[in-house]
């Protein structure tokens, strides 16, 4: 009788340990996936900033100046949140590369 109880306890302990290990592995995988997604999003923001900065540098070389008072965003990119676009433009303004202007077309719905 005592052998049966010991075997049942051992089986239960093994099952609990396996379940805990599986849960820990799943949590670690989820955390890694979230970190990778956040890193990819940060890289996307960096690429957007670099593309806008490159466009400003091209504009500067075209008009032979080191700053522009009238940059244009010709259209909204529906795939890019407006906050990212404005953050990139704000950085260019802070660097003295461009000045703010007026918006002459409907703003996208946020």
Protein backbone atom coordinates (compact mmCIF):
# COMPACT_ATOMS: atom_id res chain seq x y z
CA UNK A 1 0.00 0.00 0.00
CA UNK A 2 2.77 2.44 0.92
CA UNK A 3 4.56 1.68 -2.36
CA UNK A 4 1.47 2.70 -4.32
CA UNK A 5 1.23 5.98 -2.42
CA UNK A 6 4.92 6.71 -3.04
CA UNK A 7 4.55 5.97 -6.76
CA UNK A 8 1.49 8.21 -7.01
CA UNK A 9 3.30 11.04 -5.19
CA UNK A 10 6.34 10.68 -7.47
CA UNK A 11 4.16 10.71 -10.57
CA UNK A 12 2.30 13.80 -9.37
CA UNK A 13 5.57 15.58 -8.58
CA UNK A 14 6.99 14.70 -12.00
CA UNK A 15 3.84 15.95 -13.74
CA UNK A 16 3.91 19.21 -11.76
CA UNK A 17 7.60 19.74 -12.58
CA UNK A 18 6.97 19.10 -16.28
CA UNK A 19 4.03 21.53 -16.31
CA UNK A 20 6.10 24.21 -14.54
CA UNK A 21 8.98 23.74 -17.00
CA UNK A 22 6.60 23.99 -19.97
CA UNK A 23 5.03 27.17 -18.55
CA UNK A 24 8.45 28.73 -17.94
CA UNK A 25 9.57 27.87 -21.48
CA UNK A 26 6.40 29.38 -22.95
CA UNK A 27 6.84 32.57 -20.90
CA UNK A 28 10.47 32.88 -21.98
CA UNK A 29 9.51 32.41 -25.64
CA UNK A 30 6.79 35.05 -25.36
CA UNK A 31 9.20 37.51 -23.72
CA UNK A 32 11.79 36.90 -26.44
CA UNK A 33 9.19 37.44 -29.16
CA UNK A 34 8.02 40.70 -27.54
CA UNK A 35 11.61 41.95 -27.26
CA UNK A 36 12.30 41.09 -30.90
CA UNK A 37 9.14 42.90 -32.02
CA UNK A 38 10.09 45.99 -29.98
CA UNK A 39 13.59 46.00 -31.44
CA UNK A 40 12.16 45.71 -34.96
CA UNK A 41 9.79 48.61 -34.27
CA UNK A 42 12.67 50.74 -33.00
CA UNK A 43 14.64 49.90 -36.15
CA UNK A 44 11.64 50.89 -38.25
CA UNK A 45 11.45 54.27 -36.50
CA UNK A 46 15.19 54.72 -37.07
CA UNK A 47 14.79 53.93 -40.78
CA UNK A 48 11.94 56.45 -41.04
CA UNK A 49 14.07 59.13 -39.37
CA UNK A 50 17.00 58.31 -41.67
CA UNK A 51 14.81 58.45 -44.78
CA UNK A 52 13.40 61.85 -43.80
CA UNK A 53 16.88 63.11 -42.89
CA UNK A 54 18.23 61.84 -46.22
CA UNK A 55 15.45 63.68 -48.02
CA UNK A 56 16.36 66.87 -46.19
CA UNK A 57 20.05 66.43 -47.04
CA UNK A 58 19.08 65.91 -50.69
CA UNK A 59 16.99 69.08 -50.50
CA UNK A 60 19.89 70.97 -48.95
CA UNK A 61 22.25 69.91 -51.71
CA UNK A 62 19.68 70.76 -54.38
CA UNK A 63 19.09 74.29 -53.10
CA UNK A 64 22.70 74.64 -51.85
CA UNK A 65 21.90 75.55 -48.25
CA UNK A 66 22.34 73.98 -44.82
CA UNK A 67 18.74 74.51 -43.75
CA UNK A 68 15.30 74.66 -45.27
CA UNK A 69 12.45 76.83 -44.14
CA UNK A 70 9.82 75.09 -46.25
CA UNK A 71 10.07 71.30 -46.29
CA UNK A 72 7.05 69.48 -47.64
CA UNK A 73 5.40 66.27 -46.63
CA UNK A 74 3.48 65.63 -49.81
CA UNK A 75 1.16 62.97 -48.45
CA UNK A 76 0.47 60.95 -45.34
CA UNK A 77 1.69 57.39 -45.24
CA UNK A 78 -1.24 55.44 -43.82
CA UNK A 79 1.14 52.66 -42.78
CA UNK A 80 3.20 54.96 -40.54
CA UNK A 81 1.72 56.39 -37.36
CA UNK A 82 1.57 60.18 -37.46
CA UNK A 83 3.49 60.29 -34.16
CA UNK A 84 6.55 58.73 -35.86
CA UNK A 85 6.45 61.21 -38.73
CA UNK A 86 6.06 64.17 -36.39
CA UNK A 87 8.85 62.86 -34.14
CA UNK A 88 11.22 62.68 -37.14
CA UNK A 89 10.25 66.18 -38.29
CA UNK A 90 10.59 67.50 -34.72
CA UNK A 91 14.12 66.12 -34.57
CA UNK A 92 14.99 67.91 -37.82
CA UNK A 93 13.52 71.14 -36.42
CA UNK A 94 15.55 70.72 -33.21
CA UNK A 95 18.71 70.31 -35.30
CA UNK A 96 17.89 73.51 -37.17
CA UNK A 97 17.55 71.65 -40.47
CA UNK A 98 13.93 72.66 -41.14
CA UNK A 99 11.21 74.96 -39.81
CA UNK A 100 7.57 74.16 -39.14
CA UNK A 101 4.98 75.09 -41.73
CA UNK A 102 1.25 74.84 -42.25
CA UNK A 103 -0.80 71.81 -43.12
CA UNK A 104 -2.93 72.34 -46.21
CA UNK A 105 -4.64 68.99 -46.53
CA UNK A 106 -6.93 66.98 -44.29
CA UNK A 107 -5.18 65.30 -41.39
CA UNK A 108 -5.61 61.52 -41.16
CA UNK A 109 -7.99 60.17 -38.56
CA UNK A 110 -6.01 59.19 -35.47
